Amino acid sequence: MMAGKKRKAFIYVTTVIIFFLIIPEFIFRILSSEHLSWLGYVTSFGGVINPLLSVMIFMGILSIMLAITTVYFVGKIYQTLSQYKRN
């Protein structure tokens, strides 16, 4: 039972790290400087906090949420396929 929880935690942590490193890289390469400045302005609540810092925080939170969502849905698909295979 404990090995299953450790394995699940390892999968979540690995996926979060991968998404945390890859998603912001793609977004920063794809966005033009105008779009990046607009995103910084929007995420900094109209200039209340540093726009670049707010974009970095936003990208980090977005990456973590996408990673957790991905692991959840892939787990559900795997459960469904494994139950289908048993029957």
Protein backbone atom coordinates (compact mmCIF):
# COMPACT_ATOMS: atom_id res chain seq x y z
CA MET A 1 0.00 0.00 0.00
CA MET A 2 2.79 2.40 0.90
CA ALA A 3 4.72 1.57 -2.29
CA GLY A 4 1.69 2.57 -4.37
CA LYS A 5 1.50 5.95 -2.67
CA LYS A 6 5.21 6.54 -3.16
CA ARG A 7 4.94 5.58 -6.82
CA LYS A 8 1.98 7.89 -7.32
CA ALA A 9 3.77 10.76 -5.57
CA PHE A 10 6.86 10.13 -7.71
CA ILE A 11 4.78 10.28 -10.89
CA TYR A 12 3.11 13.54 -9.81
CA VAL A 13 6.39 15.19 -8.81
CA THR A 14 8.17 14.10 -12.00
CA THR A 15 5.34 15.35 -14.20
CA VAL A 16 5.16 18.69 -12.37
CA ILE A 17 8.92 19.19 -12.77
CA ILE A 18 8.80 18.35 -16.48
CA PHE A 19 5.84 20.65 -17.11
CA PHE A 20 7.41 23.38 -14.94
CA LEU A 21 10.50 23.33 -17.14
CA ILE A 22 8.90 22.86 -20.56
CA ILE A 23 5.64 24.89 -20.66
CA PRO A 24 7.15 28.31 -19.80
CA GLU A 25 9.97 27.71 -22.28
CA PHE A 26 7.52 27.15 -25.13
CA ILE A 27 5.39 30.12 -24.18
CA PHE A 28 8.34 32.51 -23.89
CA ARG A 29 9.67 31.36 -27.27
CA ILE A 30 6.30 31.60 -29.02
CA LEU A 31 5.09 34.95 -27.67
CA SER A 32 6.26 38.14 -29.30
CA SER A 33 7.62 40.94 -27.11
CA GLU A 34 4.34 42.87 -27.41
CA HIS A 35 2.30 39.87 -26.28
CA LEU A 36 4.73 39.18 -23.45
CA SER A 37 4.51 42.78 -22.22
CA TRP A 38 0.70 42.63 -22.42
CA LEU A 39 0.68 39.36 -20.46
CA GLY A 40 3.00 40.95 -17.88
CA TYR A 41 0.69 43.94 -17.53
CA VAL A 42 -2.42 41.76 -17.19
CA THR A 43 -0.91 39.38 -14.64
CA SER A 44 0.63 42.20 -12.58
CA PHE A 45 -2.81 43.63 -11.77
CA GLY A 46 -2.26 46.76 -13.82
CA GLY A 47 1.35 47.35 -12.79
CA VAL A 48 0.95 46.80 -9.04
CA ILE A 49 3.76 44.21 -8.96
CA ASN A 50 6.72 43.64 -11.27
CA PRO A 51 5.34 42.47 -14.66
CA LEU A 52 8.15 40.00 -15.38
CA LEU A 53 7.86 38.45 -11.93
CA SER A 54 4.10 38.16 -12.29
CA VAL A 55 4.48 36.39 -15.66
CA MET A 56 6.98 33.95 -14.12
CA ILE A 57 4.62 33.22 -11.20
CA PHE A 58 1.68 32.83 -13.60
CA MET A 59 3.64 30.42 -15.82
CA GLY A 60 4.71 28.39 -12.79
CA ILE A 61 1.18 28.07 -11.44
CA LEU A 62 -0.17 27.28 -14.92
CA SER A 63 2.46 24.57 -15.41
CA ILE A 64 1.70 22.95 -12.07
CA MET A 65 -2.04 22.97 -12.73
CA LEU A 66 -1.56 21.47 -16.22
CA ALA A 67 0.73 18.76 -14.86
CA ILE A 68 -1.70 17.72 -12.13
CA THR A 69 -4.61 17.76 -14.58
CA THR A 70 -2.65 15.68 -17.08
CA VAL A 71 -1.69 13.05 -14.53
CA TYR A 72 -5.29 12.87 -13.30
CA PHE A 73 -6.76 12.36 -16.78
CA VAL A 74 -4.09 9.92 -17.90
CA GLY A 75 -4.70 7.95 -14.69
CA LYS A 76 -8.43 7.83 -15.41
CA ILE A 77 -7.82 6.70 -18.99
CA TYR A 78 -5.39 4.03 -17.80
CA GLN A 79 -7.92 2.77 -15.22
CA THR A 80 -10.63 2.59 -17.85
CA LEU A 81 -8.43 0.75 -20.33
CA SER A 82 -7.16 -1.71 -17.71
CA GLN A 83 -10.72 -2.49 -16.55
CA TYR A 84 -11.78 -2.95 -20.16
CA LYS A 85 -8.84 -5.27 -20.75
CA ARG A 86 -9.74 -7.44 -17.74
CA ASN A 87 -13.30 -7.97 -18.96
